[in-house]
Amino acid sequence: MIVSDAIGSVSTEFLVPADASCIFTLAHGAGAGMNHSFMVALASALADAGIGTLRFNFPFKEHGKARADTPAVAHATIAAAIDHALASYPGLPLFAAGKSFGGRMTSQYLALNSRPEVRGIVFYGFPLHPAGKPSVERATHLRDVRVPMLFLQGTRDELATWDLISSVCASLPLATLVRIEGADHAFKAGKTDVIALLVRATEDWVGKIMS
């Protein structure tokens, strides 16, 4: 997928079942690329639930760099992914989604740009603040998002203390918050099948948005 002449191209992978009800752009976090085990497992489980995905790398991961891209580069990549999904599957309703950094960059982009084709945003762990530094400044732009938002958050998420993410979501009329009991930012919660919980909550929410 070509992002722009200046930025270049990044890897992508569609996973879209024959009976797909919709498609997601699915952006990875700052610590791992599109082929991280969590991203692959989530995409596979979403496909089993009839939700297609387009996974893609941000340029920094594509080129093996540790430092995440600037917002401008990340936003351009998300815009390109939305365009690519729309062109490839024009008949499917489109949602934008992301893990951590990927979700935050997606909402920043949509807060700044009107994309009426996007039906909603799904956050798989919104990174509200750095670990050990509770704050809500990273949520300011969410007030400018004009589509429904689903926040799937672990109760032990070190990048979003529960009281703060609850308060943020309560202040946003378009937000739905789902509590993933015992899960950390990586969605690890002992022996709990967290992927199944995430997909079930996603499927329920998407069904309500499209009904």
N, C-alpha and C. Protein backbone atom coordinates (compact mmCIF):
# COMPACT_ATOMS: atom_id res chain seq x y z
N MET A 1 0.85 -1.19 0.00
CA MET A 1 0.00 0.00 0.00
C MET A 1 0.88 1.24 0.00
N ILE A 2 0.69 2.11 -0.97
CA ILE A 2 1.45 3.36 -1.03
C ILE A 2 0.78 4.39 -0.12
N VAL A 3 1.54 4.93 0.81
CA VAL A 3 1.01 5.97 1.70
C VAL A 3 1.07 7.33 0.99
N SER A 4 2.25 7.66 0.49
CA SER A 4 2.44 8.87 -0.30
C SER A 4 3.79 8.76 -0.98
N ASP A 5 4.06 9.65 -1.92
CA ASP A 5 5.36 9.63 -2.59
C ASP A 5 6.48 9.86 -1.60
N ALA A 6 6.25 10.75 -0.65
CA ALA A 6 7.28 11.10 0.33
C ALA A 6 7.49 9.99 1.35
N ILE A 7 6.41 9.37 1.79
CA ILE A 7 6.50 8.36 2.86
C ILE A 7 6.82 6.99 2.31
N GLY A 8 6.33 6.68 1.12
CA GLY A 8 6.58 5.37 0.53
C GLY A 8 5.44 4.39 0.80
N SER A 9 5.76 3.11 0.76
CA SER A 9 4.74 2.07 0.90
C SER A 9 4.96 1.25 2.15
N VAL A 10 3.88 0.58 2.57
CA VAL A 10 3.92 -0.30 3.75
C VAL A 10 3.21 -1.61 3.42
N SER A 11 3.49 -2.63 4.21
CA SER A 11 2.86 -3.93 4.03
C SER A 11 1.42 -3.90 4.52
N THR A 12 0.58 -4.70 3.90
CA THR A 12 -0.82 -4.82 4.31
C THR A 12 -1.25 -6.28 4.19
N GLU A 13 -2.31 -6.63 4.87
CA GLU A 13 -2.92 -7.95 4.70
C GLU A 13 -4.41 -7.87 5.00
N PHE A 14 -5.20 -8.27 4.02
CA PHE A 14 -6.65 -8.40 4.22
C PHE A 14 -6.96 -9.79 4.75
N LEU A 15 -7.90 -9.85 5.68
CA LEU A 15 -8.48 -11.12 6.12
C LEU A 15 -9.99 -10.89 6.17
N VAL A 16 -10.65 -11.26 5.08
CA VAL A 16 -12.07 -10.94 4.92
C VAL A 16 -12.84 -12.21 4.58
N PRO A 17 -13.70 -12.69 5.48
CA PRO A 17 -14.46 -13.90 5.20
C PRO A 17 -15.51 -13.66 4.13
N ALA A 18 -15.95 -14.74 3.50
CA ALA A 18 -16.93 -14.62 2.42
C ALA A 18 -18.24 -14.01 2.90
N ASP A 19 -18.58 -14.24 4.16
CA ASP A 19 -19.84 -13.73 4.71
C ASP A 19 -19.66 -12.45 5.52
N ALA A 20 -18.60 -11.69 5.26
CA ALA A 20 -18.30 -10.51 6.07
C ALA A 20 -19.46 -9.52 6.09
N SER A 21 -19.74 -9.01 7.29
CA SER A 21 -20.78 -8.00 7.45
C SER A 21 -20.22 -6.60 7.36
N CYS A 22 -18.90 -6.48 7.58
CA CYS A 22 -18.24 -5.18 7.55
C CYS A 22 -16.74 -5.42 7.49
N ILE A 23 -15.98 -4.33 7.39
CA ILE A 23 -14.52 -4.45 7.38
C ILE A 23 -13.93 -3.38 8.29
N PHE A 24 -12.84 -3.74 8.96
CA PHE A 24 -12.10 -2.83 9.84
C PHE A 24 -10.74 -2.53 9.24
N THR A 25 -10.29 -1.28 9.33
CA THR A 25 -8.86 -1.04 9.27
C THR A 25 -8.35 -1.30 10.68
N LEU A 26 -7.26 -2.05 10.80
CA LEU A 26 -6.79 -2.49 12.12
C LEU A 26 -5.32 -2.11 12.29
N ALA A 27 -5.10 -1.03 13.03
CA ALA A 27 -3.76 -0.46 13.20
C ALA A 27 -3.08 -1.04 14.43
N HIS A 28 -1.80 -1.33 14.30
CA HIS A 28 -1.04 -1.91 15.41
C HIS A 28 -0.57 -0.85 16.41
N GLY A 29 -0.03 -1.32 17.52
CA GLY A 29 0.47 -0.42 18.55
C GLY A 29 1.90 0.01 18.31
N ALA A 30 2.46 0.73 19.27
CA ALA A 30 3.81 1.26 19.11
C ALA A 30 4.89 0.21 19.30
N GLY A 31 4.55 -0.87 19.99
CA GLY A 31 5.57 -1.85 20.33
C GLY A 31 5.70 -3.04 19.40
N ALA A 32 4.74 -3.24 18.51
CA ALA A 32 4.76 -4.43 17.65
C ALA A 32 4.00 -4.14 16.36
N GLY A 33 4.40 -4.80 15.27
CA GLY A 33 3.80 -4.53 13.98
C GLY A 33 2.55 -5.33 13.69
N MET A 34 2.15 -5.30 12.43
CA MET A 34 0.88 -5.91 12.01
C MET A 34 0.86 -7.42 12.17
N ASN A 35 2.04 -8.06 12.22
CA ASN A 35 2.08 -9.51 12.32
C ASN A 35 2.38 -10.01 13.73
N HIS A 36 2.28 -9.13 14.72
CA HIS A 36 2.39 -9.57 16.10
C HIS A 36 1.29 -10.58 16.40
N SER A 37 1.58 -11.51 17.29
CA SER A 37 0.64 -12.60 17.57
C SER A 37 -0.73 -12.09 18.00
N PHE A 38 -0.79 -11.01 18.76
CA PHE A 38 -2.08 -10.47 19.18
C PHE A 38 -2.87 -9.97 17.98
N MET A 39 -2.20 -9.25 17.09
CA MET A 39 -2.88 -8.69 15.92
C MET A 39 -3.41 -9.80 15.01
N VAL A 40 -2.61 -10.82 14.81
CA VAL A 40 -3.02 -11.93 13.94
C VAL A 40 -4.17 -12.70 14.57
N ALA A 41 -4.07 -12.97 15.87
CA ALA A 41 -5.12 -13.72 16.56
C ALA A 41 -6.42 -12.93 16.58
N LEU A 42 -6.34 -11.62 16.79
CA LEU A 42 -7.54 -10.79 16.81
C LEU A 42 -8.19 -10.76 15.43
N ALA A 43 -7.39 -10.58 14.38
CA ALA A 43 -7.93 -10.56 13.03
C ALA A 43 -8.60 -11.88 12.67
N SER A 44 -7.98 -12.97 13.06
CA SER A 44 -8.53 -14.29 12.77
C SER A 44 -9.86 -14.51 13.50
N ALA A 45 -9.91 -14.11 14.77
CA ALA A 45 -11.13 -14.27 15.55
C ALA A 45 -12.25 -13.35 15.04
N LEU A 46 -11.89 -12.16 14.62
CA LEU A 46 -12.88 -11.26 14.03
C LEU A 46 -13.43 -11.86 12.73
N ALA A 47 -12.57 -12.45 11.93
CA ALA A 47 -13.02 -13.09 10.69
C ALA A 47 -14.01 -14.21 10.98
N ASP A 48 -13.74 -14.98 12.03
CA ASP A 48 -14.65 -16.05 12.41
C ASP A 48 -16.02 -15.49 12.80
N ALA A 49 -16.04 -14.23 13.25
CA ALA A 49 -17.29 -13.58 13.65
C ALA A 49 -17.90 -12.78 12.50
N GLY A 50 -17.33 -12.91 11.31
CA GLY A 50 -17.89 -12.23 10.15
C GLY A 50 -17.44 -10.80 9.96
N ILE A 51 -16.32 -10.44 10.61
CA ILE A 51 -15.78 -9.08 10.49
C ILE A 51 -14.44 -9.15 9.77
N GLY A 52 -14.35 -8.53 8.61
CA GLY A 52 -13.11 -8.50 7.86
C GLY A 52 -12.15 -7.45 8.41
N THR A 53 -10.87 -7.63 8.15
CA THR A 53 -9.87 -6.66 8.61
C THR A 53 -8.84 -6.38 7.53
N LEU A 54 -8.30 -5.19 7.58
CA LEU A 54 -7.10 -4.81 6.84
C LEU A 54 -6.06 -4.42 7.87
N ARG A 55 -5.07 -5.30 8.07
CA ARG A 55 -3.93 -4.97 8.92
C ARG A 55 -2.88 -4.29 8.05
N PHE A 56 -2.14 -3.39 8.67
CA PHE A 56 -1.10 -2.68 7.92
C PHE A 56 -0.02 -2.23 8.88
N ASN A 57 1.17 -2.04 8.36
CA ASN A 57 2.27 -1.52 9.16
C ASN A 57 2.30 0.00 9.08
N PHE A 58 2.66 0.64 10.17
CA PHE A 58 3.08 2.02 10.11
C PHE A 58 4.51 2.04 9.54
N PRO A 59 4.93 3.12 8.92
CA PRO A 59 6.26 3.15 8.31
C PRO A 59 7.40 2.81 9.25
N PHE A 60 7.32 3.24 10.52
CA PHE A 60 8.44 2.96 11.42
C PHE A 60 8.64 1.46 11.62
N LYS A 61 7.57 0.70 11.68
CA LYS A 61 7.69 -0.75 11.81
C LYS A 61 8.11 -1.39 10.49
N GLU A 62 7.60 -0.85 9.41
CA GLU A 62 7.96 -1.36 8.08
C GLU A 62 9.47 -1.31 7.88
N HIS A 63 10.10 -0.28 8.45
CA HIS A 63 11.53 -0.07 8.25
C HIS A 63 12.37 -0.44 9.47
N GLY A 64 11.75 -1.14 10.43
CA GLY A 64 12.49 -1.67 11.56
C GLY A 64 12.99 -0.63 12.54
N LYS A 65 12.31 0.50 12.64
CA LYS A 65 12.72 1.54 13.57
C LYS A 65 11.98 1.39 14.90
N ALA A 66 12.63 1.80 15.98
CA ALA A 66 12.03 1.67 17.31
C ALA A 66 11.10 2.83 17.63
N ARG A 67 11.44 4.01 17.18
CA ARG A 67 10.66 5.20 17.51
C ARG A 67 9.42 5.28 16.63
N ALA A 68 8.27 5.47 17.26
CA ALA A 68 7.02 5.54 16.51
C ALA A 68 7.00 6.76 15.59
N ASP A 69 6.21 6.66 14.54
CA ASP A 69 6.08 7.76 13.58
C ASP A 69 5.47 8.99 14.23
N THR A 70 5.73 10.14 13.63
CA THR A 70 5.06 11.37 14.04
C THR A 70 3.57 11.24 13.74
N PRO A 71 2.73 12.00 14.43
CA PRO A 71 1.31 11.95 14.12
C PRO A 71 1.00 12.21 12.65
N ALA A 72 1.71 13.13 12.01
CA ALA A 72 1.43 13.43 10.61
C ALA A 72 1.63 12.21 9.72
N VAL A 73 2.71 11.47 9.96
CA VAL A 73 2.98 10.27 9.17
C VAL A 73 1.97 9.17 9.51
N ALA A 74 1.67 9.01 10.80
CA ALA A 74 0.69 8.00 11.20
C ALA A 74 -0.68 8.30 10.63
N HIS A 75 -1.08 9.57 10.65
CA HIS A 75 -2.38 9.95 10.12
C HIS A 75 -2.45 9.68 8.61
N ALA A 76 -1.38 9.98 7.90
CA ALA A 76 -1.35 9.73 6.46
C ALA A 76 -1.47 8.24 6.17
N THR A 77 -0.86 7.43 7.01
CA THR A 77 -0.93 5.97 6.82
C THR A 77 -2.34 5.46 7.07
N ILE A 78 -2.98 5.98 8.10
CA ILE A 78 -4.37 5.58 8.39
C ILE A 78 -5.30 6.02 7.25
N ALA A 79 -5.09 7.23 6.74
CA ALA A 79 -5.91 7.70 5.62
C ALA A 79 -5.75 6.78 4.41
N ALA A 80 -4.51 6.36 4.14
CA ALA A 80 -4.26 5.46 3.02
C ALA A 80 -4.93 4.10 3.24
N ALA A 81 -4.91 3.62 4.49
CA ALA A 81 -5.55 2.34 4.80
C ALA A 81 -7.07 2.42 4.61
N ILE A 82 -7.66 3.51 5.05
CA ILE A 82 -9.11 3.70 4.86
C ILE A 82 -9.44 3.71 3.36
N ASP A 83 -8.65 4.44 2.60
CA ASP A 83 -8.88 4.51 1.15
C ASP A 83 -8.71 3.13 0.51
N HIS A 84 -7.70 2.38 0.95
CA HIS A 84 -7.42 1.06 0.39
C HIS A 84 -8.56 0.09 0.69
N ALA A 85 -9.06 0.12 1.91
CA ALA A 85 -10.18 -0.76 2.29
C ALA A 85 -11.43 -0.41 1.51
N LEU A 86 -11.70 0.87 1.37
CA LEU A 86 -12.89 1.31 0.63
C LEU A 86 -12.81 0.90 -0.84
N ALA A 87 -11.64 1.05 -1.44
CA ALA A 87 -11.47 0.69 -2.84
C ALA A 87 -11.54 -0.81 -3.06
N SER A 88 -11.04 -1.58 -2.09
CA SER A 88 -10.98 -3.03 -2.24
C SER A 88 -12.31 -3.71 -1.92
N TYR A 89 -13.05 -3.16 -0.97
CA TYR A 89 -14.34 -3.74 -0.56
C TYR A 89 -15.40 -2.65 -0.46
N PRO A 90 -15.76 -2.05 -1.60
CA PRO A 90 -16.68 -0.91 -1.58
C PRO A 90 -18.08 -1.25 -1.07
N GLY A 91 -18.44 -2.52 -1.07
CA GLY A 91 -19.77 -2.90 -0.64
C GLY A 91 -19.91 -3.14 0.85
N LEU A 92 -18.80 -3.11 1.59
CA LEU A 92 -18.84 -3.41 3.02
C LEU A 92 -18.79 -2.14 3.87
N PRO A 93 -19.64 -2.04 4.89
CA PRO A 93 -19.51 -0.93 5.84
C PRO A 93 -18.12 -0.93 6.46
N LEU A 94 -17.57 0.25 6.66
CA LEU A 94 -16.19 0.38 7.13
C LEU A 94 -16.13 0.97 8.54
N PHE A 95 -15.33 0.32 9.38
CA PHE A 95 -15.00 0.83 10.71
C PHE A 95 -13.48 0.97 10.79
N ALA A 96 -13.01 1.86 11.64
CA ALA A 96 -11.58 2.03 11.88
C ALA A 96 -11.27 1.54 13.29
N ALA A 97 -10.17 0.81 13.44
CA ALA A 97 -9.85 0.23 14.74
C ALA A 97 -8.35 0.24 14.94
N GLY A 98 -7.95 0.09 16.19
CA GLY A 98 -6.52 0.04 16.45
C GLY A 98 -6.20 -0.41 17.86
N LYS A 99 -5.02 -0.98 17.99
CA LYS A 99 -4.47 -1.36 19.30
C LYS A 99 -3.61 -0.21 19.80
N SER A 100 -3.92 0.32 20.96
CA SER A 100 -3.10 1.30 21.65
C SER A 100 -2.76 2.50 20.76
N PHE A 101 -1.49 2.69 20.44
CA PHE A 101 -1.03 3.79 19.58
C PHE A 101 -1.83 3.85 18.28
N GLY A 102 -2.11 2.69 17.69
CA GLY A 102 -2.85 2.66 16.44
C GLY A 102 -4.25 3.21 16.58
N GLY A 103 -4.90 2.92 17.70
CA GLY A 103 -6.23 3.47 17.94
C GLY A 103 -6.19 4.96 18.20
N ARG A 104 -5.20 5.40 18.97
CA ARG A 104 -5.09 6.83 19.27
C ARG A 104 -4.80 7.64 18.02
N MET A 105 -3.91 7.15 17.16
CA MET A 105 -3.63 7.85 15.91
C MET A 105 -4.86 7.86 14.99
N THR A 106 -5.64 6.79 15.02
CA THR A 106 -6.85 6.71 14.21
C THR A 106 -7.86 7.76 14.67
N SER A 107 -8.06 7.87 15.97
CA SER A 107 -9.03 8.86 16.46
C SER A 107 -8.53 10.28 16.25
N GLN A 108 -7.22 10.49 16.37
CA GLN A 108 -6.69 11.82 16.07
C GLN A 108 -6.97 12.19 14.62
N TYR A 109 -6.73 11.25 13.71
CA TYR A 109 -6.97 11.51 12.29
C TYR A 109 -8.44 11.82 12.04
N LEU A 110 -9.33 11.04 12.63
CA LEU A 110 -10.75 11.24 12.39
C LEU A 110 -11.30 12.47 13.10
N ALA A 111 -10.63 12.91 14.16
CA ALA A 111 -11.03 14.16 14.80
C ALA A 111 -10.71 15.36 13.92
N LEU A 112 -9.68 15.21 13.09
CA LEU A 112 -9.22 16.30 12.23
C LEU A 112 -9.80 16.25 10.83
N ASN A 113 -10.30 15.08 10.42
CA ASN A 113 -10.73 14.89 9.04
C ASN A 113 -12.11 14.24 8.98
N SER A 114 -12.98 14.82 8.22
CA SER A 114 -14.32 14.25 8.05
C SER A 114 -14.24 13.09 7.07
N ARG A 115 -14.56 11.89 7.55
CA ARG A 115 -14.60 10.71 6.69
C ARG A 115 -15.94 10.03 6.91
N PRO A 116 -16.99 10.49 6.22
CA PRO A 116 -18.33 9.95 6.46
C PRO A 116 -18.46 8.47 6.16
N GLU A 117 -17.49 7.90 5.42
CA GLU A 117 -17.54 6.46 5.13
C GLU A 117 -17.25 5.61 6.37
N VAL A 118 -16.58 6.20 7.35
CA VAL A 118 -16.20 5.45 8.55
C VAL A 118 -17.37 5.46 9.53
N ARG A 119 -17.86 4.27 9.89
CA ARG A 119 -19.06 4.16 10.72
C ARG A 119 -18.76 4.28 12.21
N GLY A 120 -17.51 4.04 12.61
CA GLY A 120 -17.17 4.10 14.02
C GLY A 120 -15.72 3.71 14.24
N ILE A 121 -15.26 3.86 15.49
CA ILE A 121 -13.89 3.52 15.87
C ILE A 121 -13.92 2.52 17.01
N VAL A 122 -13.07 1.51 16.92
CA VAL A 122 -12.91 0.55 18.01
C VAL A 122 -11.49 0.66 18.56
N PHE A 123 -11.39 0.91 19.86
CA PHE A 123 -10.10 1.00 20.54
C PHE A 123 -9.83 -0.29 21.31
N TYR A 124 -8.80 -1.00 20.93
CA TYR A 124 -8.38 -2.17 21.69
C TYR A 124 -7.29 -1.71 22.66
N GLY A 125 -7.73 -1.07 23.73
CA GLY A 125 -6.82 -0.51 24.72
C GLY A 125 -6.37 0.89 24.36
N PHE A 126 -7.16 1.90 24.71
CA PHE A 126 -6.75 3.28 24.44
C PHE A 126 -5.64 3.67 25.41
N PRO A 127 -4.50 4.18 24.90
CA PRO A 127 -3.37 4.54 25.79
C PRO A 127 -3.57 5.95 26.35
N LEU A 128 -4.30 6.05 27.42
CA LEU A 128 -4.71 7.35 27.95
C LEU A 128 -3.53 8.15 28.50
N HIS A 129 -2.54 7.47 29.04
CA HIS A 129 -1.40 8.16 29.65
C HIS A 129 -0.20 7.22 29.72
N PRO A 130 1.01 7.76 29.90
CA PRO A 130 2.18 6.89 30.10
C PRO A 130 2.04 6.09 31.38
N ALA A 131 2.69 4.96 31.44
CA ALA A 131 2.63 4.12 32.63
C ALA A 131 3.12 4.90 33.85
N GLY A 132 2.34 4.85 34.91
CA GLY A 132 2.72 5.51 36.16
C GLY A 132 2.51 7.01 36.18
N LYS A 133 1.92 7.56 35.11
CA LYS A 133 1.70 9.01 35.05
C LYS A 133 0.25 9.30 34.65
N PRO A 134 -0.68 9.03 35.54
CA PRO A 134 -2.10 9.20 35.21
C PRO A 134 -2.43 10.64 34.78
N SER A 135 -3.12 10.75 33.65
CA SER A 135 -3.54 12.04 33.13
C SER A 135 -4.58 11.79 32.04
N VAL A 136 -5.23 12.85 31.58
CA VAL A 136 -6.27 12.68 30.56
C VAL A 136 -6.04 13.55 29.32
N GLU A 137 -4.86 14.18 29.21
CA GLU A 137 -4.61 15.09 28.09
C GLU A 137 -4.73 14.39 26.73
N ARG A 138 -4.36 13.12 26.67
CA ARG A 138 -4.41 12.40 25.40
C ARG A 138 -5.84 12.18 24.90
N ALA A 139 -6.81 12.43 25.75
CA ALA A 139 -8.21 12.22 25.36
C ALA A 139 -8.87 13.49 24.86
N THR A 140 -8.19 14.62 24.89
CA THR A 140 -8.82 15.90 24.54
C THR A 140 -9.43 15.87 23.15
N HIS A 141 -8.72 15.29 22.20
CA HIS A 141 -9.20 15.29 20.81
C HIS A 141 -10.44 14.45 20.60
N LEU A 142 -10.73 13.54 21.52
CA LEU A 142 -11.88 12.66 21.35
C LEU A 142 -13.21 13.43 21.31
N ARG A 143 -13.21 14.62 21.88
CA ARG A 143 -14.42 15.45 21.84
C ARG A 143 -14.76 15.89 20.41
N ASP A 144 -13.77 15.83 19.53
CA ASP A 144 -13.98 16.26 18.15
C ASP A 144 -14.28 15.09 17.20
N VAL A 145 -14.32 13.88 17.73
CA VAL A 145 -14.67 12.71 16.91
C VAL A 145 -16.18 12.67 16.76
N ARG A 146 -16.66 12.50 15.53
CA ARG A 146 -18.09 12.59 15.25
C ARG A 146 -18.74 11.25 14.94
N VAL A 147 -18.07 10.16 15.26
CA VAL A 147 -18.64 8.83 15.03
C VAL A 147 -18.64 8.05 16.34
N PRO A 148 -19.47 7.02 16.45
CA PRO A 148 -19.47 6.20 17.67
C PRO A 148 -18.10 5.58 17.94
N MET A 149 -17.79 5.45 19.23
CA MET A 149 -16.50 4.90 19.65
C MET A 149 -16.71 3.78 20.66
N LEU A 150 -16.00 2.69 20.49
CA LEU A 150 -16.03 1.57 21.42
C LEU A 150 -14.67 1.45 22.08
N PHE A 151 -14.64 1.55 23.40
CA PHE A 151 -13.40 1.41 24.17
C PHE A 151 -13.42 0.07 24.87
N LEU A 152 -12.49 -0.80 24.52
CA LEU A 152 -12.33 -2.09 25.18
C LEU A 152 -11.09 -1.98 26.06
N GLN A 153 -11.30 -1.96 27.36
CA GLN A 153 -10.23 -1.62 28.29
C GLN A 153 -10.10 -2.64 29.42
N GLY A 154 -8.87 -3.05 29.69
CA GLY A 154 -8.61 -3.93 30.81
C GLY A 154 -8.62 -3.17 32.13
N THR A 155 -9.07 -3.82 33.18
CA THR A 155 -9.13 -3.15 34.48
C THR A 155 -7.74 -2.96 35.10
N ARG A 156 -6.75 -3.66 34.56
CA ARG A 156 -5.37 -3.51 35.06
C ARG A 156 -4.47 -2.85 34.01
N ASP A 157 -5.07 -2.13 33.09
CA ASP A 157 -4.31 -1.46 32.03
C ASP A 157 -3.44 -0.37 32.64
N GLU A 158 -2.12 -0.54 32.52
CA GLU A 158 -1.20 0.41 33.11
C GLU A 158 -1.12 1.73 32.34
N LEU A 159 -1.72 1.78 31.16
CA LEU A 159 -1.74 3.01 30.37
C LEU A 159 -3.11 3.69 30.37
N ALA A 160 -3.99 3.19 31.21
CA ALA A 160 -5.33 3.80 31.33
C ALA A 160 -5.96 3.32 32.62
N THR A 161 -5.68 4.03 33.73
CA THR A 161 -6.27 3.62 34.99
C THR A 161 -7.80 3.65 34.86
N TRP A 162 -8.44 2.70 35.50
CA TRP A 162 -9.87 2.50 35.26
C TRP A 162 -10.71 3.72 35.60
N ASP A 163 -10.40 4.40 36.71
CA ASP A 163 -11.21 5.56 37.08
C ASP A 163 -11.10 6.67 36.05
N LEU A 164 -9.92 6.84 35.46
CA LEU A 164 -9.74 7.91 34.48
C LEU A 164 -10.40 7.57 33.15
N ILE A 165 -10.24 6.36 32.65
CA ILE A 165 -10.85 6.01 31.37
C ILE A 165 -12.38 5.99 31.50
N SER A 166 -12.86 5.60 32.68
CA SER A 166 -14.31 5.63 32.93
C SER A 166 -14.83 7.06 32.87
N SER A 167 -14.10 7.98 33.48
CA SER A 167 -14.49 9.38 33.49
C SER A 167 -14.48 9.97 32.09
N VAL A 168 -13.43 9.65 31.32
CA VAL A 168 -13.33 10.14 29.95
C VAL A 168 -14.51 9.66 29.12
N CYS A 169 -14.79 8.37 29.18
CA CYS A 169 -15.88 7.82 28.37
C CYS A 169 -17.24 8.35 28.80
N ALA A 170 -17.41 8.58 30.10
CA ALA A 170 -18.68 9.13 30.58
C ALA A 170 -18.93 10.53 30.05
N SER A 171 -17.86 11.25 29.69
CA SER A 171 -17.99 12.62 29.19
C SER A 171 -18.21 12.68 27.68
N LEU A 172 -18.15 11.53 27.01
CA LEU A 172 -18.28 11.48 25.56
C LEU A 172 -19.60 10.83 25.17
N PRO A 173 -20.54 11.57 24.63
CA PRO A 173 -21.86 11.01 24.30
C PRO A 173 -21.80 9.83 23.31
N LEU A 174 -20.77 9.79 22.47
CA LEU A 174 -20.68 8.74 21.44
C LEU A 174 -19.84 7.55 21.88
N ALA A 175 -19.40 7.54 23.13
CA ALA A 175 -18.50 6.48 23.60
C ALA A 175 -19.24 5.36 24.33
N THR A 176 -18.77 4.13 24.08
CA THR A 176 -19.20 2.95 24.84
C THR A 176 -17.95 2.33 25.44
N LEU A 177 -17.97 2.06 26.74
CA LEU A 177 -16.83 1.48 27.43
C LEU A 177 -17.17 0.06 27.87
N VAL A 178 -16.30 -0.88 27.52
CA VAL A 178 -16.47 -2.27 27.93
C VAL A 178 -15.32 -2.66 28.84
N ARG A 179 -15.65 -3.19 29.98
CA ARG A 179 -14.67 -3.57 31.01
C ARG A 179 -14.18 -4.99 30.77
N ILE A 180 -12.89 -5.15 30.61
CA ILE A 180 -12.28 -6.48 30.46
C ILE A 180 -11.58 -6.80 31.79
N GLU A 181 -12.25 -7.55 32.61
CA GLU A 181 -11.83 -7.78 33.99
C GLU A 181 -10.46 -8.44 34.06
N GLY A 182 -9.55 -7.80 34.83
CA GLY A 182 -8.25 -8.39 35.11
C GLY A 182 -7.22 -8.26 34.02
N ALA A 183 -7.57 -7.67 32.88
CA ALA A 183 -6.64 -7.60 31.75
C ALA A 183 -5.73 -6.38 31.86
N ASP A 184 -4.47 -6.56 31.43
CA ASP A 184 -3.53 -5.44 31.39
C ASP A 184 -3.54 -4.80 30.00
N HIS A 185 -2.57 -3.95 29.72
CA HIS A 185 -2.59 -3.25 28.43
C HIS A 185 -2.36 -4.20 27.25
N ALA A 186 -1.69 -5.30 27.50
CA ALA A 186 -1.47 -6.31 26.45
C ALA A 186 -2.63 -7.30 26.36
N PHE A 187 -3.66 -7.06 27.15
CA PHE A 187 -4.85 -7.92 27.23
C PHE A 187 -4.50 -9.33 27.72
N LYS A 188 -3.56 -9.38 28.65
CA LYS A 188 -3.27 -10.62 29.33
C LYS A 188 -4.02 -10.63 30.66
N ALA A 189 -4.73 -11.73 30.91
CA ALA A 189 -5.54 -11.83 32.13
C ALA A 189 -5.56 -13.28 32.59
N GLY A 190 -4.40 -13.79 32.95
CA GLY A 190 -4.31 -15.18 33.39
C GLY A 190 -4.73 -16.13 32.29
N LYS A 191 -5.61 -17.06 32.63
CA LYS A 191 -6.04 -18.07 31.66
C LYS A 191 -7.30 -17.64 30.89
N THR A 192 -7.77 -16.44 31.13
CA THR A 192 -8.97 -15.96 30.44
C THR A 192 -8.72 -15.82 28.94
N ASP A 193 -9.66 -16.26 28.12
CA ASP A 193 -9.57 -16.09 26.67
C ASP A 193 -10.04 -14.67 26.34
N VAL A 194 -9.11 -13.73 26.45
CA VAL A 194 -9.46 -12.33 26.30
C VAL A 194 -9.85 -12.01 24.85
N ILE A 195 -9.19 -12.65 23.90
CA ILE A 195 -9.54 -12.40 22.49
C ILE A 195 -11.03 -12.68 22.26
N ALA A 196 -11.52 -13.76 22.83
CA ALA A 196 -12.94 -14.09 22.67
C ALA A 196 -13.83 -13.01 23.27
N LEU A 197 -13.44 -12.47 24.41
CA LEU A 197 -14.21 -11.39 25.03
C LEU A 197 -14.20 -10.14 24.17
N LEU A 198 -13.04 -9.80 23.61
CA LEU A 198 -12.91 -8.63 22.77
C LEU A 198 -13.78 -8.75 21.52
N VAL A 199 -13.74 -9.92 20.91
CA VAL A 199 -14.50 -10.13 19.67
C VAL A 199 -16.00 -10.11 19.93
N ARG A 200 -16.43 -10.73 21.02
CA ARG A 200 -17.85 -10.75 21.34
C ARG A 200 -18.37 -9.33 21.57
N ALA A 201 -17.60 -8.53 22.31
CA ALA A 201 -18.01 -7.15 22.57
C ALA A 201 -18.01 -6.33 21.29
N THR A 202 -17.02 -6.57 20.45
CA THR A 202 -16.94 -5.87 19.16
C THR A 202 -18.13 -6.22 18.29
N GLU A 203 -18.43 -7.50 18.19
CA GLU A 203 -19.53 -7.97 17.35
C GLU A 203 -20.86 -7.39 17.82
N ASP A 204 -21.08 -7.37 19.13
CA ASP A 204 -22.33 -6.83 19.67
C ASP A 204 -22.48 -5.35 19.34
N TRP A 205 -21.40 -4.60 19.53
CA TRP A 205 -21.43 -3.15 19.29
C TRP A 205 -21.65 -2.85 17.82
N VAL A 206 -20.90 -3.53 16.95
CA VAL A 206 -21.04 -3.31 15.51
C VAL A 206 -22.47 -3.61 15.06
N GLY A 207 -23.03 -4.69 15.61
CA GLY A 207 -24.41 -5.03 15.25
C GLY A 207 -25.38 -3.92 15.59
N LYS A 208 -25.18 -3.28 16.74
CA LYS A 208 -26.06 -2.17 17.14
C LYS A 208 -25.87 -0.96 16.24
N ILE A 209 -24.62 -0.67 15.86
CA ILE A 209 -24.35 0.48 15.01
C ILE A 209 -24.98 0.30 13.64
N MET A 210 -24.96 -0.91 13.12
CA MET A 210 -25.44 -1.16 11.76
C MET A 210 -26.92 -1.50 11.70
N SER A 211 -27.56 -1.67 12.85
CA SER A 211 -28.98 -2.04 12.84
C SER A 211 -29.89 -0.86 12.53
